[in-house]
N, C-alpha and C. Protein backbone atom coordinates (compact mmCIF):
# COMPACT_ATOMS: atom_id res chain seq x y z
N UNK A 1 149.72 122.86 15.65
CA UNK A 1 149.20 122.22 14.45
C UNK A 1 149.23 123.24 13.31
N UNK A 2 149.72 122.82 12.18
CA UNK A 2 149.86 123.74 11.06
C UNK A 2 148.76 123.57 10.01
N UNK A 3 147.79 122.70 10.28
CA UNK A 3 146.73 122.49 9.27
C UNK A 3 145.98 123.79 8.99
N UNK A 4 145.53 123.91 7.75
CA UNK A 4 144.79 125.08 7.30
C UNK A 4 143.38 124.64 6.94
N UNK A 5 142.42 125.44 7.38
CA UNK A 5 141.01 125.12 7.12
C UNK A 5 140.36 126.24 6.33
N UNK A 6 139.69 125.85 5.26
CA UNK A 6 138.91 126.77 4.45
C UNK A 6 137.44 126.39 4.59
N UNK A 7 136.60 127.40 4.70
CA UNK A 7 135.16 127.17 4.78
C UNK A 7 134.51 127.81 3.56
N UNK A 8 133.54 127.10 3.01
CA UNK A 8 132.74 127.65 1.91
C UNK A 8 131.27 127.60 2.32
N UNK A 9 130.58 128.71 2.14
CA UNK A 9 129.14 128.77 2.32
C UNK A 9 128.55 128.70 0.92
N UNK A 10 127.78 127.66 0.65
CA UNK A 10 127.30 127.40 -0.70
C UNK A 10 125.78 127.33 -0.73
N UNK A 11 125.20 127.81 -1.82
CA UNK A 11 123.76 127.82 -1.99
C UNK A 11 123.38 126.92 -3.16
N UNK A 12 122.37 126.11 -2.97
CA UNK A 12 121.91 125.22 -4.04
C UNK A 12 121.13 126.00 -5.09
N UNK A 13 121.08 125.44 -6.28
CA UNK A 13 120.24 126.01 -7.33
C UNK A 13 118.79 125.97 -6.87
N UNK A 14 118.05 127.03 -7.18
CA UNK A 14 116.66 127.15 -6.73
C UNK A 14 115.76 126.04 -7.26
N UNK A 15 116.11 125.47 -8.40
CA UNK A 15 115.25 124.44 -8.99
C UNK A 15 115.54 123.04 -8.46
N UNK A 16 116.47 122.91 -7.55
CA UNK A 16 116.81 121.59 -6.99
C UNK A 16 116.23 121.42 -5.60
N UNK A 17 115.72 120.24 -5.33
CA UNK A 17 115.29 119.92 -3.97
C UNK A 17 116.54 119.76 -3.09
N UNK A 18 116.34 119.82 -1.81
CA UNK A 18 117.45 119.60 -0.87
C UNK A 18 118.06 118.22 -1.11
N UNK A 19 117.21 117.22 -1.32
CA UNK A 19 117.69 115.85 -1.51
C UNK A 19 118.51 115.72 -2.80
N UNK A 20 118.04 116.33 -3.88
CA UNK A 20 118.77 116.28 -5.15
C UNK A 20 120.10 117.01 -5.04
N UNK A 21 120.10 118.13 -4.33
CA UNK A 21 121.31 118.90 -4.10
C UNK A 21 122.36 118.06 -3.35
N UNK A 22 121.94 117.46 -2.26
CA UNK A 22 122.85 116.64 -1.45
C UNK A 22 123.36 115.46 -2.27
N UNK A 23 122.47 114.80 -2.98
CA UNK A 23 122.86 113.64 -3.78
C UNK A 23 123.92 114.02 -4.82
N UNK A 24 123.68 115.10 -5.55
CA UNK A 24 124.65 115.50 -6.58
C UNK A 24 125.98 115.86 -5.93
N UNK A 25 125.94 116.64 -4.88
CA UNK A 25 127.18 117.06 -4.21
C UNK A 25 127.99 115.84 -3.78
N UNK A 26 127.32 114.91 -3.10
CA UNK A 26 128.02 113.75 -2.54
C UNK A 26 128.49 112.76 -3.60
N UNK A 27 127.68 112.51 -4.62
CA UNK A 27 128.02 111.44 -5.57
C UNK A 27 128.79 111.92 -6.79
N UNK A 28 128.69 113.20 -7.13
CA UNK A 28 129.35 113.71 -8.34
C UNK A 28 130.45 114.72 -8.03
N UNK A 29 130.11 115.74 -7.23
CA UNK A 29 131.06 116.84 -7.03
C UNK A 29 132.22 116.44 -6.11
N UNK A 30 131.93 115.77 -5.02
CA UNK A 30 133.00 115.37 -4.10
C UNK A 30 134.07 114.54 -4.82
N UNK A 31 133.70 113.50 -5.57
CA UNK A 31 134.75 112.74 -6.26
C UNK A 31 135.54 113.60 -7.26
N UNK A 32 134.89 114.53 -7.94
CA UNK A 32 135.60 115.40 -8.87
C UNK A 32 136.62 116.25 -8.12
N UNK A 33 136.21 116.89 -7.05
CA UNK A 33 137.13 117.74 -6.29
C UNK A 33 138.27 116.91 -5.73
N UNK A 34 137.97 115.75 -5.21
CA UNK A 34 139.03 114.87 -4.69
C UNK A 34 140.04 114.52 -5.78
N UNK A 35 139.57 114.32 -7.00
CA UNK A 35 140.47 113.94 -8.09
C UNK A 35 141.31 115.13 -8.58
N UNK A 36 140.77 116.32 -8.49
CA UNK A 36 141.47 117.49 -9.01
C UNK A 36 142.36 118.18 -7.98
N UNK A 37 142.03 118.04 -6.71
CA UNK A 37 142.78 118.70 -5.64
C UNK A 37 143.28 117.67 -4.63
N UNK A 38 144.33 116.95 -4.96
CA UNK A 38 144.79 115.86 -4.10
C UNK A 38 145.36 116.32 -2.76
N UNK A 39 145.58 117.59 -2.55
CA UNK A 39 146.14 118.08 -1.28
C UNK A 39 145.15 118.19 -0.14
N UNK A 40 143.86 117.89 -0.39
CA UNK A 40 142.86 117.97 0.67
C UNK A 40 143.05 116.80 1.62
N UNK A 41 143.18 117.08 2.92
CA UNK A 41 143.36 116.00 3.89
C UNK A 41 142.06 115.70 4.64
N UNK A 42 141.08 116.59 4.59
CA UNK A 42 139.77 116.34 5.18
C UNK A 42 138.77 117.21 4.43
N UNK A 43 137.59 116.66 4.15
CA UNK A 43 136.60 117.34 3.33
C UNK A 43 135.25 117.02 3.94
N UNK A 44 134.62 118.02 4.56
CA UNK A 44 133.35 117.80 5.25
C UNK A 44 132.28 118.72 4.69
N UNK A 45 131.08 118.17 4.54
CA UNK A 45 129.93 118.94 4.11
C UNK A 45 128.91 118.91 5.24
N UNK A 46 128.51 120.09 5.70
CA UNK A 46 127.54 120.25 6.77
C UNK A 46 126.27 120.84 6.15
N UNK A 47 125.32 119.96 5.82
CA UNK A 47 124.10 120.39 5.15
C UNK A 47 123.13 120.98 6.16
N UNK A 48 122.78 122.24 5.96
CA UNK A 48 121.93 122.95 6.91
C UNK A 48 120.51 122.40 6.90
N UNK A 49 119.94 122.33 8.09
CA UNK A 49 118.54 121.96 8.27
C UNK A 49 117.92 123.10 9.07
N UNK A 50 117.23 124.00 8.39
CA UNK A 50 116.76 125.22 9.02
C UNK A 50 115.42 125.07 9.73
N UNK A 51 114.79 123.92 9.64
CA UNK A 51 113.54 123.71 10.37
C UNK A 51 113.84 123.79 11.86
N UNK A 52 113.20 124.71 12.52
CA UNK A 52 113.40 124.85 13.96
C UNK A 52 114.69 125.56 14.33
N UNK A 53 115.36 126.16 13.36
CA UNK A 53 116.61 126.86 13.65
C UNK A 53 116.33 128.08 14.52
N UNK A 54 117.21 128.36 15.44
CA UNK A 54 117.10 129.56 16.27
C UNK A 54 117.60 130.75 15.47
N UNK A 55 116.82 131.81 15.43
CA UNK A 55 117.18 133.01 14.69
C UNK A 55 116.93 134.22 15.57
N UNK A 56 117.93 135.08 15.73
CA UNK A 56 117.75 136.32 16.46
C UNK A 56 116.78 137.23 15.72
N UNK A 57 116.00 137.99 16.44
CA UNK A 57 115.09 138.95 15.82
C UNK A 57 115.90 139.92 14.96
N UNK A 58 115.44 140.15 13.74
CA UNK A 58 116.11 141.07 12.84
C UNK A 58 117.33 140.50 12.14
N UNK A 59 117.61 139.21 12.33
CA UNK A 59 118.78 138.60 11.69
C UNK A 59 118.57 138.48 10.18
N UNK A 60 119.65 138.51 9.45
CA UNK A 60 119.60 138.31 8.00
C UNK A 60 119.09 136.91 7.70
N UNK A 61 118.37 136.74 6.60
CA UNK A 61 117.89 135.39 6.26
C UNK A 61 119.06 134.48 5.87
N UNK A 62 118.85 133.20 6.06
CA UNK A 62 119.86 132.23 5.64
C UNK A 62 119.97 132.28 4.12
N UNK A 63 121.19 132.32 3.61
CA UNK A 63 121.38 132.37 2.16
C UNK A 63 122.38 131.33 1.70
N UNK A 64 122.45 130.23 2.45
CA UNK A 64 123.32 129.11 2.08
C UNK A 64 122.63 127.81 2.47
N UNK A 65 123.07 126.72 1.87
CA UNK A 65 122.49 125.41 2.16
C UNK A 65 123.49 124.42 2.75
N UNK A 66 124.76 124.74 2.62
CA UNK A 66 125.79 123.84 3.15
C UNK A 66 127.00 124.67 3.57
N UNK A 67 127.60 124.22 4.66
CA UNK A 67 128.88 124.77 5.11
C UNK A 67 129.90 123.68 4.82
N UNK A 68 130.79 123.97 3.88
CA UNK A 68 131.80 123.00 3.47
C UNK A 68 133.12 123.35 4.13
N UNK A 69 133.79 122.33 4.67
CA UNK A 69 135.10 122.50 5.28
C UNK A 69 136.13 121.74 4.46
N UNK A 70 137.17 122.42 4.07
CA UNK A 70 138.30 121.80 3.35
C UNK A 70 139.54 122.00 4.21
N UNK A 71 140.17 120.90 4.55
CA UNK A 71 141.38 120.94 5.37
C UNK A 71 142.60 120.60 4.50
N UNK A 72 143.67 121.32 4.73
CA UNK A 72 144.95 121.11 4.05
C UNK A 72 146.02 120.93 5.11
N UNK A 73 147.07 120.19 4.77
CA UNK A 73 148.14 119.91 5.73
C UNK A 73 148.80 121.18 6.24
N UNK A 74 148.92 122.18 5.38
CA UNK A 74 149.56 123.44 5.76
C UNK A 74 149.23 124.50 4.71
N UNK A 75 149.72 125.70 4.92
CA UNK A 75 149.41 126.79 3.99
C UNK A 75 149.96 126.51 2.59
N UNK A 76 151.11 125.88 2.51
CA UNK A 76 151.69 125.57 1.20
C UNK A 76 150.78 124.62 0.42
N UNK A 77 150.19 123.64 1.09
CA UNK A 77 149.27 122.71 0.43
C UNK A 77 148.01 123.45 -0.04
N UNK A 78 147.51 124.35 0.78
CA UNK A 78 146.36 125.17 0.38
C UNK A 78 146.70 126.01 -0.85
N UNK A 79 147.87 126.66 -0.81
CA UNK A 79 148.29 127.50 -1.94
C UNK A 79 148.43 126.69 -3.22
N UNK A 80 148.95 125.46 -3.11
CA UNK A 80 149.06 124.59 -4.30
C UNK A 80 147.68 124.25 -4.84
N UNK A 81 146.73 123.97 -3.94
CA UNK A 81 145.37 123.65 -4.38
C UNK A 81 144.73 124.85 -5.08
N UNK A 82 144.91 126.04 -4.53
CA UNK A 82 144.32 127.23 -5.13
C UNK A 82 144.99 127.55 -6.47
N UNK A 83 146.27 127.22 -6.61
CA UNK A 83 146.94 127.41 -7.91
C UNK A 83 146.34 126.46 -8.94
N UNK A 84 145.99 125.25 -8.52
CA UNK A 84 145.34 124.31 -9.45
C UNK A 84 143.95 124.83 -9.84
N UNK A 85 143.21 125.38 -8.89
CA UNK A 85 141.90 125.95 -9.20
C UNK A 85 142.04 127.11 -10.18
N UNK A 86 143.13 127.87 -10.06
CA UNK A 86 143.36 129.01 -10.95
C UNK A 86 143.79 128.58 -12.35
N UNK A 87 144.23 127.33 -12.52
CA UNK A 87 144.57 126.82 -13.84
C UNK A 87 143.29 126.83 -14.68
N UNK A 88 143.30 127.47 -15.85
CA UNK A 88 142.06 127.61 -16.63
C UNK A 88 141.33 126.29 -16.91
N UNK A 89 142.06 125.24 -17.22
CA UNK A 89 141.41 123.96 -17.53
C UNK A 89 140.74 123.37 -16.30
N UNK A 90 141.43 123.39 -15.17
CA UNK A 90 140.88 122.82 -13.93
C UNK A 90 139.75 123.70 -13.41
N UNK A 91 139.97 125.00 -13.40
CA UNK A 91 138.92 125.92 -12.94
C UNK A 91 137.65 125.79 -13.76
N UNK A 92 137.79 125.60 -15.06
CA UNK A 92 136.62 125.44 -15.93
C UNK A 92 135.87 124.16 -15.62
N UNK A 93 136.59 123.09 -15.33
CA UNK A 93 135.93 121.82 -14.98
C UNK A 93 135.14 121.96 -13.68
N UNK A 94 135.74 122.62 -12.70
CA UNK A 94 135.05 122.82 -11.42
C UNK A 94 133.83 123.70 -11.62
N UNK A 95 133.99 124.82 -12.31
CA UNK A 95 132.87 125.74 -12.53
C UNK A 95 131.73 125.07 -13.29
N UNK A 96 132.06 124.31 -14.31
CA UNK A 96 131.03 123.63 -15.09
C UNK A 96 130.25 122.65 -14.22
N UNK A 97 130.94 121.93 -13.36
CA UNK A 97 130.25 120.99 -12.48
C UNK A 97 129.41 121.73 -11.45
N UNK A 98 129.92 122.81 -10.91
CA UNK A 98 129.17 123.59 -9.93
C UNK A 98 127.86 124.12 -10.51
N UNK A 99 127.86 124.45 -11.80
CA UNK A 99 126.64 124.94 -12.45
C UNK A 99 125.51 123.90 -12.38
N UNK A 100 125.86 122.63 -12.21
CA UNK A 100 124.86 121.57 -12.15
C UNK A 100 124.07 121.54 -10.85
N UNK A 101 124.60 122.16 -9.78
CA UNK A 101 123.90 122.05 -8.50
C UNK A 101 123.98 123.29 -7.62
N UNK A 102 124.87 124.23 -7.93
CA UNK A 102 125.03 125.42 -7.10
C UNK A 102 124.50 126.68 -7.76
N UNK A 103 124.06 127.62 -6.95
CA UNK A 103 123.86 129.00 -7.37
C UNK A 103 125.18 129.68 -7.04
N UNK A 104 126.06 129.72 -8.02
CA UNK A 104 127.43 130.18 -7.79
C UNK A 104 127.52 131.64 -7.36
N UNK A 105 126.47 132.42 -7.60
CA UNK A 105 126.49 133.82 -7.18
C UNK A 105 126.50 133.96 -5.66
N UNK A 106 126.13 132.90 -4.96
CA UNK A 106 126.11 132.95 -3.49
C UNK A 106 127.33 132.34 -2.82
N UNK A 107 128.29 131.88 -3.60
CA UNK A 107 129.46 131.21 -3.02
C UNK A 107 130.36 132.19 -2.28
N UNK A 108 130.70 131.81 -1.06
CA UNK A 108 131.65 132.55 -0.25
C UNK A 108 132.64 131.54 0.34
N UNK A 109 133.91 131.79 0.15
CA UNK A 109 134.94 130.87 0.63
C UNK A 109 136.02 131.69 1.32
N UNK A 110 136.48 131.18 2.48
CA UNK A 110 137.45 131.93 3.26
C UNK A 110 138.24 130.99 4.16
N UNK A 111 139.40 131.44 4.58
CA UNK A 111 140.22 130.70 5.53
C UNK A 111 139.80 131.07 6.94
N UNK A 112 139.91 130.12 7.85
CA UNK A 112 139.60 130.38 9.25
C UNK A 112 140.74 129.90 10.14
N UNK A 113 140.81 130.48 11.30
CA UNK A 113 141.74 130.03 12.34
C UNK A 113 140.86 129.38 13.41
N UNK A 114 140.89 128.08 13.49
CA UNK A 114 140.02 127.36 14.40
C UNK A 114 140.64 127.31 15.79
N UNK A 115 139.79 127.54 16.79
CA UNK A 115 140.19 127.43 18.19
C UNK A 115 139.25 126.42 18.85
N UNK A 116 139.79 125.55 19.66
CA UNK A 116 138.98 124.53 20.34
C UNK A 116 139.06 124.80 21.84
N UNK A 117 137.89 124.84 22.46
CA UNK A 117 137.81 125.07 23.89
C UNK A 117 137.92 123.76 24.65
N UNK A 118 138.62 123.82 25.77
CA UNK A 118 138.67 122.66 26.65
C UNK A 118 137.32 122.53 27.35
N UNK A 119 136.89 121.29 27.54
CA UNK A 119 135.58 121.09 28.19
C UNK A 119 135.77 120.88 29.66
């Protein structure tokens, strides 16, 4: 399989409730990203629920609220999407929208190589 997966760890703005954060992301930001980056073949948001989360002693505190997965058909599709994000007009639209619900200083985005274990 040649699909490429990018993960983003994102933090909500401190003044937003979890519910307001999720609502804005789902109803406003997702449609914007879908319209600007047509090469995405799968787009998943995994909203963290830290109540009762298992934490190793001495572990760093959680500093994100959602784990976002963006799937692309292949590396070329990912590269095309990132070139669109680098376009000043498109990048500015994304950044302006992110200011409405994200603490952008905490954003971390990276590519992963996913492995699936047989059960």
